[in-house]
PDB file of N, CA and C in Angstrom:
ATOM      1  N   UNK A   1       0.864  -1.171   0.000  1.00  0.00           N
ATOM      2  CA  UNK A   1       0.000   0.000   0.000  1.00  0.00           C
ATOM      3  C   UNK A   1       0.906   1.228   0.000  1.00  0.00           C
ATOM      4  N   UNK A   2       0.578   2.203  -0.785  1.00  0.00           N
ATOM      5  CA  UNK A   2       1.350   3.436  -0.784  1.00  0.00           C
ATOM      6  C   UNK A   2       0.565   4.525  -0.060  1.00  0.00           C
ATOM      7  N   UNK A   3       1.050   5.746  -0.116  1.00  0.00           N
ATOM      8  CA  UNK A   3       0.437   6.831   0.646  1.00  0.00           C
ATOM      9  C   UNK A   3      -0.999   7.136   0.230  1.00  0.00           C
ATOM     10  N   UNK A   4      -1.425   6.683  -0.930  1.00  0.00           N
ATOM     11  CA  UNK A   4      -2.802   6.942  -1.360  1.00  0.00           C
ATOM     12  C   UNK A   4      -3.776   5.942  -0.759  1.00  0.00           C
ATOM     13  N   UNK A   5      -3.255   4.859  -0.199  1.00  0.00           N
ATOM     14  CA  UNK A   5      -4.121   3.833   0.357  1.00  0.00           C
ATOM     15  C   UNK A   5      -4.555   2.807  -0.668  1.00  0.00           C
ATOM     16  N   UNK A   6      -4.025   2.902  -1.878  1.00  0.00           N
ATOM     17  CA  UNK A   6      -4.399   1.965  -2.940  1.00  0.00           C
ATOM     18  C   UNK A   6      -3.234   1.019  -3.200  1.00  0.00           C
ATOM     19  N   UNK A   7      -3.499  -0.254  -3.061  1.00  0.00           N
ATOM     20  CA  UNK A   7      -2.521  -1.285  -3.338  1.00  0.00           C
ATOM     21  C   UNK A   7      -2.695  -1.686  -4.801  1.00  0.00           C
ATOM     22  N   UNK A   8      -1.664  -1.496  -5.590  1.00  0.00           N
ATOM     23  CA  UNK A   8      -1.771  -1.778  -7.027  1.00  0.00           C
ATOM     24  C   UNK A   8      -2.075  -3.245  -7.301  1.00  0.00           C
ATOM     25  N   UNK A   9      -1.633  -4.132  -6.424  1.00  0.00           N
ATOM     26  CA  UNK A   9      -1.943  -5.559  -6.596  1.00  0.00           C
ATOM     27  C   UNK A   9      -3.444  -5.796  -6.441  1.00  0.00           C
ATOM     28  N   UNK A  10      -4.085  -5.079  -5.497  1.00  0.00           N
ATOM     29  CA  UNK A  10      -5.543  -5.183  -5.331  1.00  0.00           C
ATOM     30  C   UNK A  10      -6.275  -4.715  -6.585  1.00  0.00           C
ATOM     31  N   UNK A  11      -5.791  -3.632  -7.178  1.00  0.00           N
ATOM     32  CA  UNK A  11      -6.412  -3.103  -8.398  1.00  0.00           C
ATOM     33  C   UNK A  11      -6.298  -4.136  -9.514  1.00  0.00           C
ATOM     34  N   UNK A  12      -5.098  -4.698  -9.668  1.00  0.00           N
ATOM     35  CA  UNK A  12      -4.891  -5.711 -10.712  1.00  0.00           C
ATOM     36  C   UNK A  12      -5.817  -6.906 -10.491  1.00  0.00           C
ATOM     37  N   UNK A  13      -5.919  -7.390  -9.258  1.00  0.00           N
ATOM     38  CA  UNK A  13      -6.793  -8.528  -8.965  1.00  0.00           C
ATOM     39  C   UNK A  13      -8.253  -8.191  -9.267  1.00  0.00           C
ATOM     40  N   UNK A  14      -8.674  -6.971  -8.909  1.00  0.00           N
ATOM     41  CA  UNK A  14     -10.057  -6.563  -9.182  1.00  0.00           C
ATOM     42  C   UNK A  14     -10.331  -6.567 -10.683  1.00  0.00           C
ATOM     43  N   UNK A  15      -9.429  -5.960 -11.437  1.00  0.00           N
ATOM     44  CA  UNK A  15      -9.618  -5.872 -12.892  1.00  0.00           C
ATOM     45  C   UNK A  15      -9.569  -7.266 -13.520  1.00  0.00           C
ATOM     46  N   UNK A  16      -8.673  -8.129 -13.028  1.00  0.00           N
ATOM     47  CA  UNK A  16      -8.612  -9.503 -13.554  1.00  0.00           C
ATOM     48  C   UNK A  16      -9.932 -10.238 -13.320  1.00  0.00           C
ATOM     49  N   UNK A  17     -10.567 -10.018 -12.165  1.00  0.00           N
ATOM     50  CA  UNK A  17     -11.822 -10.700 -11.833  1.00  0.00           C
ATOM     51  C   UNK A  17     -13.034 -10.066 -12.494  1.00  0.00           C
ATOM     52  N   UNK A  18     -13.065  -8.710 -12.541  1.00  0.00           N
ATOM     53  CA  UNK A  18     -14.285  -7.994 -12.918  1.00  0.00           C
ATOM     54  C   UNK A  18     -14.179  -7.147 -14.174  1.00  0.00           C
ATOM     55  N   UNK A  19     -13.007  -7.058 -14.751  1.00  0.00           N
ATOM     56  CA  UNK A  19     -12.832  -6.095 -15.827  1.00  0.00           C
ATOM     57  C   UNK A  19     -12.864  -4.696 -15.218  1.00  0.00           C
ATOM     58  N   UNK A  20     -13.190  -3.722 -16.025  1.00  0.00           N
ATOM     59  CA  UNK A  20     -13.207  -2.354 -15.505  1.00  0.00           C
ATOM     60  C   UNK A  20     -14.596  -1.905 -15.073  1.00  0.00           C
ATOM     61  N   UNK A  21     -15.573  -2.808 -15.151  1.00  0.00           N
ATOM     62  CA  UNK A  21     -16.914  -2.402 -14.720  1.00  0.00           C
ATOM     63  C   UNK A  21     -16.895  -2.133 -13.217  1.00  0.00           C
ATOM     64  N   UNK A  22     -17.526  -1.066 -12.828  1.00  0.00           N
ATOM     65  CA  UNK A  22     -17.621  -0.639 -11.428  1.00  0.00           C
ATOM     66  C   UNK A  22     -16.277  -0.316 -10.785  1.00  0.00           C
ATOM     67  N   UNK A  23     -15.266  -0.033 -11.602  1.00  0.00           N
ATOM     68  CA  UNK A  23     -13.953   0.297 -11.041  1.00  0.00           C
ATOM     69  C   UNK A  23     -14.032   1.558 -10.179  1.00  0.00           C
ATOM     70  N   UNK A  24     -14.931   2.475 -10.561  1.00  0.00           N
ATOM     71  CA  UNK A  24     -15.091   3.703  -9.775  1.00  0.00           C
ATOM     72  C   UNK A  24     -15.530   3.370  -8.350  1.00  0.00           C
ATOM     73  N   UNK A  25     -16.474   2.455  -8.214  1.00  0.00           N
ATOM     74  CA  UNK A  25     -16.946   2.042  -6.885  1.00  0.00           C
ATOM     75  C   UNK A  25     -15.826   1.351  -6.104  1.00  0.00           C
ATOM     76  N   UNK A  26     -15.024   0.535  -6.786  1.00  0.00           N
ATOM     77  CA  UNK A  26     -13.883  -0.121  -6.146  1.00  0.00           C
ATOM     78  C   UNK A  26     -12.930   0.920  -5.567  1.00  0.00           C
ATOM     79  N   UNK A  27     -12.598   1.944  -6.370  1.00  0.00           N
ATOM     80  CA  UNK A  27     -11.687   2.983  -5.891  1.00  0.00           C
ATOM     81  C   UNK A  27     -12.296   3.765  -4.734  1.00  0.00           C
ATOM     82  N   UNK A  28     -13.576   4.065  -4.813  1.00  0.00           N
ATOM     83  CA  UNK A  28     -14.236   4.807  -3.736  1.00  0.00           C
ATOM     84  C   UNK A  28     -14.169   4.025  -2.430  1.00  0.00           C
ATOM     85  N   UNK A  29     -14.519   2.744  -2.469  1.00  0.00           N
ATOM     86  CA  UNK A  29     -14.466   1.913  -1.258  1.00  0.00           C
ATOM     87  C   UNK A  29     -13.041   1.809  -0.730  1.00  0.00           C
ATOM     88  N   UNK A  30     -12.094   1.635  -1.646  1.00  0.00           N
ATOM     89  CA  UNK A  30     -10.699   1.500  -1.245  1.00  0.00           C
ATOM     90  C   UNK A  30     -10.194   2.778  -0.587  1.00  0.00           C
ATOM     91  N   UNK A  31     -10.510   3.916  -1.188  1.00  0.00           N
ATOM     92  CA  UNK A  31     -10.036   5.190  -0.645  1.00  0.00           C
ATOM     93  C   UNK A  31     -10.751   5.577   0.643  1.00  0.00           C
ATOM     94  N   UNK A  32     -11.942   5.039   0.883  1.00  0.00           N
ATOM     95  CA  UNK A  32     -12.693   5.353   2.100  1.00  0.00           C
ATOM     96  C   UNK A  32     -12.353   4.430   3.265  1.00  0.00           C
ATOM     97  N   UNK A  33     -11.496   3.436   3.046  1.00  0.00           N
ATOM     98  CA  UNK A  33     -11.179   2.481   4.120  1.00  0.00           C
ATOM     99  C   UNK A  33     -10.598   3.149   5.356  1.00  0.00           C
ATOM    100  N   UNK A  34      -9.857   4.226   5.184  1.00  0.00           N
ATOM    101  CA  UNK A  34      -9.236   4.886   6.330  1.00  0.00           C
ATOM    102  C   UNK A  34     -10.274   5.332   7.351  1.00  0.00           C
ATOM    103  N   UNK A  35     -11.510   5.564   6.922  1.00  0.00           N
ATOM    104  CA  UNK A  35     -12.544   6.049   7.829  1.00  0.00           C
ATOM    105  C   UNK A  35     -12.980   4.985   8.828  1.00  0.00           C
ATOM    106  N   UNK A  36     -12.639   3.735   8.581  1.00  0.00           N
ATOM    107  CA  UNK A  36     -13.050   2.639   9.451  1.00  0.00           C
ATOM    108  C   UNK A  36     -11.899   2.053  10.259  1.00  0.00           C
ATOM    109  N   UNK A  37     -10.786   2.765  10.328  1.00  0.00           N
ATOM    110  CA  UNK A  37      -9.631   2.285  11.074  1.00  0.00           C
ATOM    111  C   UNK A  37      -9.641   2.925  12.459  1.00  0.00           C
ATOM    112  N   UNK A  38      -9.545   2.086  13.483  1.00  0.00           N
ATOM    113  CA  UNK A  38      -9.496   2.597  14.849  1.00  0.00           C
ATOM    114  C   UNK A  38      -8.107   3.144  15.121  1.00  0.00           C
ATOM    115  N   UNK A  39      -8.054   4.318  15.732  1.00  0.00           N
ATOM    116  CA  UNK A  39      -6.793   4.957  16.064  1.00  0.00           C
ATOM    117  C   UNK A  39      -6.792   5.252  17.556  1.00  0.00           C
ATOM    118  N   UNK A  40      -5.746   4.816  18.236  1.00  0.00           N
ATOM    119  CA  UNK A  40      -5.581   5.114  19.655  1.00  0.00           C
ATOM    120  C   UNK A  40      -4.479   6.151  19.797  1.00  0.00           C
ATOM    121  N   UNK A  41      -4.773   7.222  20.519  1.00  0.00           N
ATOM    122  CA  UNK A  41      -3.781   8.269  20.730  1.00  0.00           C
ATOM    123  C   UNK A  41      -3.697   8.577  22.214  1.00  0.00           C
ATOM    124  N   UNK A  42      -2.591   9.119  22.622  1.00  0.00           N
ATOM    125  CA  UNK A  42      -2.412   9.562  24.002  1.00  0.00           C
ATOM    126  C   UNK A  42      -2.174  11.058  24.017  1.00  0.00           C
ATOM    127  N   UNK A  43      -2.745  11.733  24.985  1.00  0.00           N
ATOM    128  CA  UNK A  43      -2.573  13.177  25.133  1.00  0.00           C
ATOM    129  C   UNK A  43      -1.886  13.420  26.473  1.00  0.00           C
ATOM    130  N   UNK A  44      -0.781  14.118  26.450  1.00  0.00           N
ATOM    131  CA  UNK A  44      -0.076  14.432  27.689  1.00  0.00           C
ATOM    132  C   UNK A  44       0.132  15.931  27.783  1.00  0.00           C
ATOM    133  N   UNK A  45       0.335  16.403  28.995  1.00  0.00           N
ATOM    134  CA  UNK A  45       0.611  17.819  29.198  1.00  0.00           C
ATOM    135  C   UNK A  45       0.402  18.208  30.643  1.00  0.00           C
ATOM    136  N   UNK A  46       0.840  19.389  30.960  1.00  0.00           N
ATOM    137  CA  UNK A  46       0.700  19.910  32.316  1.00  0.00           C
ATOM    138  C   UNK A  46      -0.760  20.124  32.667  1.00  0.00           C
ATOM    139  N   UNK A  47      -1.025  20.173  33.956  1.00  0.00           N
ATOM    140  CA  UNK A  47      -2.366  20.470  34.444  1.00  0.00           C
ATOM    141  C   UNK A  47      -2.802  21.834  33.921  1.00  0.00           C
ATOM    142  N   UNK A  48      -4.007  21.889  33.389  1.00  0.00           N
ATOM    143  CA  UNK A  48      -4.538  23.152  32.881  1.00  0.00           C
ATOM    144  C   UNK A  48      -4.044  23.534  31.500  1.00  0.00           C
ATOM    145  N   UNK A  49      -3.340  22.624  30.832  1.00  0.00           N
ATOM    146  CA  UNK A  49      -2.760  22.940  29.522  1.00  0.00           C
ATOM    147  C   UNK A  49      -3.780  22.892  28.390  1.00  0.00           C
ATOM    148  N   UNK A  50      -4.948  22.276  28.628  1.00  0.00           N
ATOM    149  CA  UNK A  50      -5.971  22.216  27.592  1.00  0.00           C
ATOM    150  C   UNK A  50      -6.141  20.851  26.956  1.00  0.00           C
ATOM    151  N   UNK A  51      -5.689  19.800  27.639  1.00  0.00           N
ATOM    152  CA  UNK A  51      -5.804  18.444  27.081  1.00  0.00           C
ATOM    153  C   UNK A  51      -7.256  18.061  26.827  1.00  0.00           C
ATOM    154  N   UNK A  52      -8.121  18.291  27.816  1.00  0.00           N
ATOM    155  CA  UNK A  52      -9.539  17.933  27.660  1.00  0.00           C
ATOM    156  C   UNK A  52     -10.197  18.774  26.572  1.00  0.00           C
ATOM    157  N   UNK A  53      -9.865  20.042  26.508  1.00  0.00           N
ATOM    158  CA  UNK A  53     -10.419  20.902  25.454  1.00  0.00           C
ATOM    159  C   UNK A  53      -9.964  20.429  24.078  1.00  0.00           C
ATOM    160  N   UNK A  54      -8.710  20.001  23.980  1.00  0.00           N
ATOM    161  CA  UNK A  54      -8.195  19.468  22.716  1.00  0.00           C
ATOM    162  C   UNK A  54      -8.961  18.209  22.316  1.00  0.00           C
ATOM    163  N   UNK A  55      -9.159  17.304  23.278  1.00  0.00           N
ATOM    164  CA  UNK A  55      -9.908  16.073  23.003  1.00  0.00           C
ATOM    165  C   UNK A  55     -11.313  16.408  22.526  1.00  0.00           C
ATOM    166  N   UNK A  56     -11.967  17.344  23.206  1.00  0.00           N
ATOM    167  CA  UNK A  56     -13.316  17.747  22.789  1.00  0.00           C
ATOM    168  C   UNK A  56     -13.299  18.328  21.378  1.00  0.00           C
ATOM    169  N   UNK A  57     -12.286  19.121  21.077  1.00  0.00           N
ATOM    170  CA  UNK A  57     -12.204  19.755  19.753  1.00  0.00           C
ATOM    171  C   UNK A  57     -12.050  18.716  18.647  1.00  0.00           C
ATOM    172  N   UNK A  58     -11.167  17.722  18.846  1.00  0.00           N
ATOM    173  CA  UNK A  58     -10.982  16.738  17.774  1.00  0.00           C
ATOM    174  C   UNK A  58     -12.181  15.806  17.661  1.00  0.00           C
ATOM    175  N   UNK A  59     -12.996  15.726  18.713  1.00  0.00           N
ATOM    176  CA  UNK A  59     -14.231  14.933  18.659  1.00  0.00           C
ATOM    177  C   UNK A  59     -15.406  15.759  18.152  1.00  0.00           C
ATOM    178  N   UNK A  60     -15.186  17.050  17.912  1.00  0.00           N
ATOM    179  CA  UNK A  60     -16.251  17.911  17.406  1.00  0.00           C
ATOM    180  C   UNK A  60     -17.271  18.276  18.467  1.00  0.00           C
ATOM    181  N   UNK A  61     -16.849  18.305  19.737  1.00  0.00           N
ATOM    182  CA  UNK A  61     -17.749  18.614  20.844  1.00  0.00           C
ATOM    183  C   UNK A  61     -17.386  19.946  21.477  1.00  0.00           C
ATOM    184  N   UNK A  62     -18.378  20.636  21.994  1.00  0.00           N
ATOM    185  CA  UNK A  62     -18.132  21.813  22.821  1.00  0.00           C
ATOM    186  C   UNK A  62     -17.826  21.327  24.231  1.00  0.00           C
ATOM    187  N   UNK A  63     -17.096  22.135  24.995  1.00  0.00           N
ATOM    188  CA  UNK A  63     -16.721  21.741  26.352  1.00  0.00           C
ATOM    189  C   UNK A  63     -17.918  21.450  27.243  1.00  0.00           C
ATOM    190  N   UNK A  64     -19.069  22.048  26.946  1.00  0.00           N
ATOM    191  CA  UNK A  64     -20.245  21.838  27.797  1.00  0.00           C
ATOM    192  C   UNK A  64     -21.205  20.772  27.252  1.00  0.00           C
ATOM    193  N   UNK A  65     -20.821  20.070  26.173  1.00  0.00           N
ATOM    194  CA  UNK A  65     -21.658  18.979  25.661  1.00  0.00           C
ATOM    195  C   UNK A  65     -21.696  17.828  26.663  1.00  0.00           C
ATOM    196  N   UNK A  66     -22.798  17.103  26.657  1.00  0.00           N
ATOM    197  CA  UNK A  66     -22.998  16.007  27.614  1.00  0.00           C
ATOM    198  C   UNK A  66     -21.891  14.952  27.548  1.00  0.00           C
ATOM    199  N   UNK A  67     -21.427  14.619  26.356  1.00  0.00           N
ATOM    200  CA  UNK A  67     -20.423  13.563  26.192  1.00  0.00           C
ATOM    201  C   UNK A  67     -18.993  14.101  26.137  1.00  0.00           C
ATOM    202  N   UNK A  68     -18.818  15.375  26.426  1.00  0.00           N
ATOM    203  CA  UNK A  68     -17.497  15.995  26.360  1.00  0.00           C
ATOM    204  C   UNK A  68     -16.642  15.578  27.554  1.00  0.00           C
ATOM    205  N   UNK A  69     -15.327  15.584  27.337  1.00  0.00           N
ATOM    206  CA  UNK A  69     -14.395  15.386  28.446  1.00  0.00           C
ATOM    207  C   UNK A  69     -14.526  16.584  29.385  1.00  0.00           C
ATOM    208  N   UNK A  70     -14.461  16.319  30.680  1.00  0.00           N
ATOM    209  CA  UNK A  70     -14.623  17.393  31.664  1.00  0.00           C
ATOM    210  C   UNK A  70     -13.421  18.332  31.596  1.00  0.00           C
ATOM    211  N   UNK A  71     -13.685  19.610  31.538  1.00  0.00           N
ATOM    212  CA  UNK A  71     -12.619  20.613  31.470  1.00  0.00           C
ATOM    213  C   UNK A  71     -12.601  21.428  32.752  1.00  0.00           C
ATOM    214  N   UNK A  72     -11.470  22.088  32.980  1.00  0.00           N
ATOM    215  CA  UNK A  72     -11.351  22.942  34.156  1.00  0.00           C
ATOM    216  C   UNK A  72     -11.035  22.177  35.426  1.00  0.00           C
ATOM    217  N   UNK A  73     -10.719  20.901  35.299  1.00  0.00           N
ATOM    218  CA  UNK A  73     -10.374  20.090  36.466  1.00  0.00           C
ATOM    219  C   UNK A  73      -8.857  20.087  36.583  1.00  0.00           C
ATOM    220  N   UNK A  74      -8.358  20.417  37.761  1.00  0.00           N
ATOM    221  CA  UNK A  74      -6.917  20.406  37.975  1.00  0.00           C
ATOM    222  C   UNK A  74      -6.595  19.695  39.285  1.00  0.00           C
ATOM    223  N   UNK A  75      -5.333  19.661  39.654  1.00  0.00           N
ATOM    224  CA  UNK A  75      -4.925  18.938  40.865  1.00  0.00           C
ATOM    225  C   UNK A  75      -5.607  19.476  42.107  1.00  0.00           C
ATOM    226  N   UNK A  76      -5.778  20.789  42.206  1.00  0.00           N
ATOM    227  CA  UNK A  76      -6.437  21.365  43.378  1.00  0.00           C
ATOM    228  C   UNK A  76      -7.873  20.866  43.485  1.00  0.00           C
ATOM    229  N   UNK A  77      -8.544  20.703  42.350  1.00  0.00           N
ATOM    230  CA  UNK A  77      -9.912  20.177  42.324  1.00  0.00           C
ATOM    231  C   UNK A  77      -9.933  18.756  42.894  1.00  0.00           C
ATOM    232  N   UNK A  78      -8.961  17.932  42.467  1.00  0.00           N
ATOM    233  CA  UNK A  78      -8.915  16.558  42.963  1.00  0.00           C
ATOM    234  C   UNK A  78      -8.595  16.524  44.453  1.00  0.00           C
ATOM    235  N   UNK A  79      -7.654  17.354  44.896  1.00  0.00           N
ATOM    236  CA  UNK A  79      -7.303  17.386  46.323  1.00  0.00           C
ATOM    237  C   UNK A  79      -8.504  17.786  47.164  1.00  0.00           C
ATOM    238  N   UNK A  80      -9.243  18.795  46.732  1.00  0.00           N
ATOM    239  CA  UNK A  80     -10.407  19.263  47.491  1.00  0.00           C
ATOM    240  C   UNK A  80     -11.462  18.173  47.585  1.00  0.00           C
ATOM    241  N   UNK A  81     -11.637  17.409  46.522  1.00  0.00           N
ATOM    242  CA  UNK A  81     -12.635  16.341  46.532  1.00  0.00           C
ATOM    243  C   UNK A  81     -12.190  15.124  47.329  1.00  0.00           C
ATOM    244  N   UNK A  82     -10.904  14.960  47.514  1.00  0.00           N
ATOM    245  CA  UNK A  82     -10.397  13.812  48.259  1.00  0.00           C
ATOM    246  C   UNK A  82     -10.473  14.047  49.764  1.00  0.00           C
ATOM    247  N   UNK A  83     -10.505  15.307  50.204  1.00  0.00           N
ATOM    248  CA  UNK A  83     -10.510  15.619  51.650  1.00  0.00           C
ATOM    249  C   UNK A  83     -11.826  15.356  52.292  1.00  0.00           C
TER     250      UNK A  83
END
């Protein structure tokens, strides 16, 4: 697979099996595969640096959305709740 996400061997196999009929659909499905790949990432940074806000932003959520990561929580917040 190269940077386009298209494996030339897959294209050759498709054409050998099907000819060029529906090749457009084959390319569309092949190029859309990246949308179904699970990606795990880690976010690190100092307290109050904006990690939760960043996570909300890449998820397309506002900080006050129900499913958003909680923002504005820092070590002092945790200490106060632990006492």
